[in-house]
Amino acid sequence: MLPKENGYRVAQMIRVDERSGKLSKKTQIILLTARNLSNDPEREKMFMDFSEADVMMYKPFEMKKLTEKIGELLNI
């Protein structure tokens, strides 16, 4: 857990282009979280929409799955 902020908000801050104040899709974001929301699709979607993350994965996760997601985001 982050001490002063949550990962969803950090992801959102990364997305905002400081010069224009608009969202930027240049940076790909994968959230790795211990807060498993897969049993609550509406809440999961809400957090994905809020954070603007590209992928959300839940801990514990398999390294193979993580590398697959990275490959997908990089179009490898």
N, C-alpha and C. Protein backbone atom coordinates (compact mmCIF):
# COMPACT_ATOMS: atom_id res chain seq x y z
N MET A 1 0.84 -1.18 0.00
CA MET A 1 0.00 0.00 0.00
C MET A 1 0.89 1.25 0.00
N LEU A 2 0.46 2.21 -0.74
CA LEU A 2 1.19 3.48 -0.79
C LEU A 2 0.90 4.29 0.47
N PRO A 3 1.88 5.00 1.00
CA PRO A 3 1.70 5.69 2.28
C PRO A 3 0.76 6.89 2.24
N LYS A 4 0.78 7.70 1.18
CA LYS A 4 -0.01 8.93 1.20
C LYS A 4 -1.02 9.03 0.07
N GLU A 5 -0.95 8.15 -0.87
CA GLU A 5 -1.82 8.21 -2.06
C GLU A 5 -2.18 6.79 -2.44
N ASN A 6 -3.19 6.63 -3.30
CA ASN A 6 -3.50 5.29 -3.77
C ASN A 6 -3.08 5.15 -5.23
N GLY A 7 -2.88 3.92 -5.66
CA GLY A 7 -2.38 3.65 -7.00
C GLY A 7 -3.29 4.13 -8.10
N TYR A 8 -4.59 4.13 -7.85
CA TYR A 8 -5.55 4.60 -8.86
C TYR A 8 -5.34 6.09 -9.14
N ARG A 9 -5.13 6.84 -8.08
CA ARG A 9 -4.90 8.28 -8.22
C ARG A 9 -3.53 8.55 -8.85
N VAL A 10 -2.52 7.78 -8.47
CA VAL A 10 -1.19 7.94 -9.05
C VAL A 10 -1.26 7.68 -10.56
N ALA A 11 -1.96 6.63 -10.97
CA ALA A 11 -2.12 6.34 -12.39
C ALA A 11 -2.81 7.51 -13.10
N GLN A 12 -3.82 8.05 -12.47
CA GLN A 12 -4.53 9.20 -13.05
C GLN A 12 -3.59 10.40 -13.20
N MET A 13 -2.75 10.64 -12.20
CA MET A 13 -1.81 11.76 -12.26
C MET A 13 -0.79 11.55 -13.38
N ILE A 14 -0.36 10.31 -13.59
CA ILE A 14 0.59 10.02 -14.66
C ILE A 14 -0.02 10.33 -16.02
N ARG A 15 -1.31 10.07 -16.15
CA ARG A 15 -2.01 10.27 -17.42
C ARG A 15 -2.16 11.74 -17.82
N VAL A 16 -2.22 12.63 -16.87
CA VAL A 16 -2.49 14.03 -17.18
C VAL A 16 -1.24 14.71 -17.73
N ASP A 17 -1.34 15.26 -18.90
CA ASP A 17 -0.26 16.01 -19.51
C ASP A 17 -0.14 17.33 -18.76
N GLU A 18 1.00 17.54 -18.14
CA GLU A 18 1.17 18.74 -17.30
C GLU A 18 1.02 20.04 -18.08
N ARG A 19 1.43 20.05 -19.33
CA ARG A 19 1.35 21.29 -20.10
C ARG A 19 -0.08 21.63 -20.50
N SER A 20 -0.83 20.64 -20.95
CA SER A 20 -2.18 20.92 -21.44
C SER A 20 -3.26 20.66 -20.40
N GLY A 21 -2.95 19.85 -19.39
CA GLY A 21 -3.95 19.50 -18.40
C GLY A 21 -4.93 18.44 -18.91
N LYS A 22 -4.64 17.90 -20.11
CA LYS A 22 -5.50 16.89 -20.70
C LYS A 22 -4.89 15.50 -20.52
N LEU A 23 -5.74 14.48 -20.66
CA LEU A 23 -5.27 13.11 -20.53
C LEU A 23 -4.38 12.74 -21.71
N SER A 24 -3.33 12.00 -21.42
CA SER A 24 -2.38 11.54 -22.43
C SER A 24 -2.38 10.02 -22.46
N LYS A 25 -2.38 9.43 -23.64
CA LYS A 25 -2.33 7.98 -23.76
C LYS A 25 -0.92 7.51 -24.13
N LYS A 26 0.07 8.39 -24.05
CA LYS A 26 1.44 8.02 -24.42
C LYS A 26 2.01 6.94 -23.52
N THR A 27 1.77 7.04 -22.23
CA THR A 27 2.30 6.10 -21.26
C THR A 27 1.30 4.97 -21.04
N GLN A 28 1.77 3.74 -21.15
CA GLN A 28 0.93 2.58 -20.86
C GLN A 28 1.02 2.28 -19.37
N ILE A 29 -0.12 2.02 -18.74
CA ILE A 29 -0.13 1.80 -17.29
C ILE A 29 -0.77 0.45 -16.97
N ILE A 30 -0.03 -0.35 -16.19
CA ILE A 30 -0.55 -1.60 -15.66
C ILE A 30 -0.62 -1.43 -14.15
N LEU A 31 -1.82 -1.52 -13.59
CA LEU A 31 -1.98 -1.47 -12.14
C LEU A 31 -1.82 -2.88 -11.59
N LEU A 32 -0.95 -3.04 -10.61
CA LEU A 32 -0.79 -4.30 -9.89
C LEU A 32 -1.30 -4.05 -8.49
N THR A 33 -2.44 -4.63 -8.18
CA THR A 33 -3.10 -4.28 -6.92
C THR A 33 -3.47 -5.51 -6.10
N ALA A 34 -3.48 -5.32 -4.79
CA ALA A 34 -3.92 -6.36 -3.87
C ALA A 34 -5.43 -6.28 -3.65
N ARG A 35 -6.05 -5.20 -4.09
CA ARG A 35 -7.49 -5.02 -3.93
C ARG A 35 -8.20 -5.69 -5.11
N ASN A 36 -8.59 -6.94 -4.92
CA ASN A 36 -9.20 -7.71 -6.00
C ASN A 36 -10.66 -7.33 -6.16
N LEU A 37 -10.98 -6.76 -7.31
CA LEU A 37 -12.34 -6.33 -7.60
C LEU A 37 -12.99 -7.18 -8.69
N SER A 38 -12.36 -8.31 -9.04
CA SER A 38 -12.87 -9.12 -10.14
C SER A 38 -14.26 -9.68 -9.87
N ASN A 39 -14.65 -9.79 -8.60
CA ASN A 39 -15.99 -10.29 -8.27
C ASN A 39 -17.03 -9.16 -8.28
N ASP A 40 -16.62 -7.95 -8.57
CA ASP A 40 -17.52 -6.79 -8.63
C ASP A 40 -17.21 -5.98 -9.90
N PRO A 41 -17.69 -6.47 -11.06
CA PRO A 41 -17.35 -5.85 -12.35
C PRO A 41 -17.67 -4.36 -12.44
N GLU A 42 -18.75 -3.92 -11.83
CA GLU A 42 -19.11 -2.49 -11.88
C GLU A 42 -18.08 -1.65 -11.14
N ARG A 43 -17.68 -2.11 -9.98
CA ARG A 43 -16.68 -1.38 -9.20
C ARG A 43 -15.31 -1.43 -9.88
N GLU A 44 -14.98 -2.59 -10.46
CA GLU A 44 -13.73 -2.73 -11.20
C GLU A 44 -13.69 -1.73 -12.36
N LYS A 45 -14.78 -1.62 -13.10
CA LYS A 45 -14.86 -0.68 -14.22
C LYS A 45 -14.73 0.76 -13.72
N MET A 46 -15.36 1.05 -12.59
CA MET A 46 -15.29 2.39 -12.02
C MET A 46 -13.83 2.77 -11.71
N PHE A 47 -13.08 1.84 -11.08
CA PHE A 47 -11.69 2.12 -10.75
C PHE A 47 -10.83 2.21 -12.00
N MET A 48 -11.12 1.38 -13.00
CA MET A 48 -10.37 1.46 -14.27
C MET A 48 -10.63 2.80 -14.95
N ASP A 49 -11.88 3.22 -14.99
CA ASP A 49 -12.23 4.50 -15.61
C ASP A 49 -11.58 5.66 -14.85
N PHE A 50 -11.61 5.61 -13.53
CA PHE A 50 -11.03 6.67 -12.70
C PHE A 50 -9.53 6.77 -12.90
N SER A 51 -8.85 5.62 -12.90
CA SER A 51 -7.38 5.63 -12.97
C SER A 51 -6.86 5.85 -14.37
N GLU A 52 -7.67 5.55 -15.38
CA GLU A 52 -7.24 5.62 -16.78
C GLU A 52 -6.15 4.59 -17.08
N ALA A 53 -6.04 3.54 -16.26
CA ALA A 53 -5.05 2.49 -16.49
C ALA A 53 -5.47 1.65 -17.70
N ASP A 54 -4.47 1.04 -18.34
CA ASP A 54 -4.74 0.19 -19.49
C ASP A 54 -5.08 -1.23 -19.07
N VAL A 55 -4.45 -1.68 -17.99
CA VAL A 55 -4.64 -3.04 -17.50
C VAL A 55 -4.62 -3.01 -15.97
N MET A 56 -5.46 -3.85 -15.36
CA MET A 56 -5.42 -4.02 -13.92
C MET A 56 -5.21 -5.51 -13.65
N MET A 57 -4.18 -5.82 -12.88
CA MET A 57 -3.91 -7.20 -12.50
C MET A 57 -3.90 -7.30 -10.98
N TYR A 58 -4.32 -8.45 -10.50
CA TYR A 58 -4.45 -8.65 -9.06
C TYR A 58 -3.32 -9.52 -8.51
N LYS A 59 -2.82 -9.12 -7.35
CA LYS A 59 -1.78 -9.89 -6.66
C LYS A 59 -2.45 -11.03 -5.90
N PRO A 60 -1.84 -12.18 -5.84
CA PRO A 60 -0.62 -12.56 -6.53
C PRO A 60 -0.93 -12.81 -8.02
N PHE A 61 0.04 -12.56 -8.86
CA PHE A 61 -0.14 -12.77 -10.30
C PHE A 61 1.01 -13.63 -10.81
N GLU A 62 0.77 -14.25 -11.95
CA GLU A 62 1.81 -15.06 -12.57
C GLU A 62 2.67 -14.17 -13.45
N MET A 63 3.99 -14.33 -13.36
CA MET A 63 4.90 -13.52 -14.15
C MET A 63 4.62 -13.68 -15.64
N LYS A 64 4.24 -14.87 -16.05
CA LYS A 64 3.93 -15.12 -17.46
C LYS A 64 2.77 -14.23 -17.92
N LYS A 65 1.75 -14.11 -17.06
CA LYS A 65 0.60 -13.25 -17.40
C LYS A 65 1.01 -11.79 -17.51
N LEU A 66 1.89 -11.36 -16.60
CA LEU A 66 2.37 -9.98 -16.63
C LEU A 66 3.15 -9.72 -17.92
N THR A 67 4.05 -10.63 -18.28
CA THR A 67 4.83 -10.42 -19.50
C THR A 67 3.94 -10.46 -20.73
N GLU A 68 2.88 -11.27 -20.70
CA GLU A 68 1.93 -11.29 -21.82
C GLU A 68 1.23 -9.94 -21.96
N LYS A 69 0.79 -9.37 -20.84
CA LYS A 69 0.11 -8.07 -20.86
C LYS A 69 1.06 -6.98 -21.34
N ILE A 70 2.31 -7.02 -20.90
CA ILE A 70 3.29 -6.04 -21.36
C ILE A 70 3.47 -6.16 -22.86
N GLY A 71 3.59 -7.39 -23.34
CA GLY A 71 3.72 -7.62 -24.78
C GLY A 71 2.54 -7.10 -25.56
N GLU A 72 1.33 -7.30 -25.04
CA GLU A 72 0.12 -6.79 -25.70
C GLU A 72 0.16 -5.27 -25.78
N LEU A 73 0.54 -4.62 -24.69
CA LEU A 73 0.58 -3.16 -24.68
C LEU A 73 1.65 -2.60 -25.61
N LEU A 74 2.73 -3.35 -25.77
CA LEU A 74 3.82 -2.91 -26.64
C LEU A 74 3.64 -3.42 -28.08
N ASN A 75 2.56 -4.16 -28.31
CA ASN A 75 2.28 -4.76 -29.62
C ASN A 75 3.41 -5.65 -30.10
N ILE A 76 3.91 -6.48 -29.19
CA ILE A 76 5.00 -7.42 -29.53
C ILE A 76 4.38 -8.74 -29.93
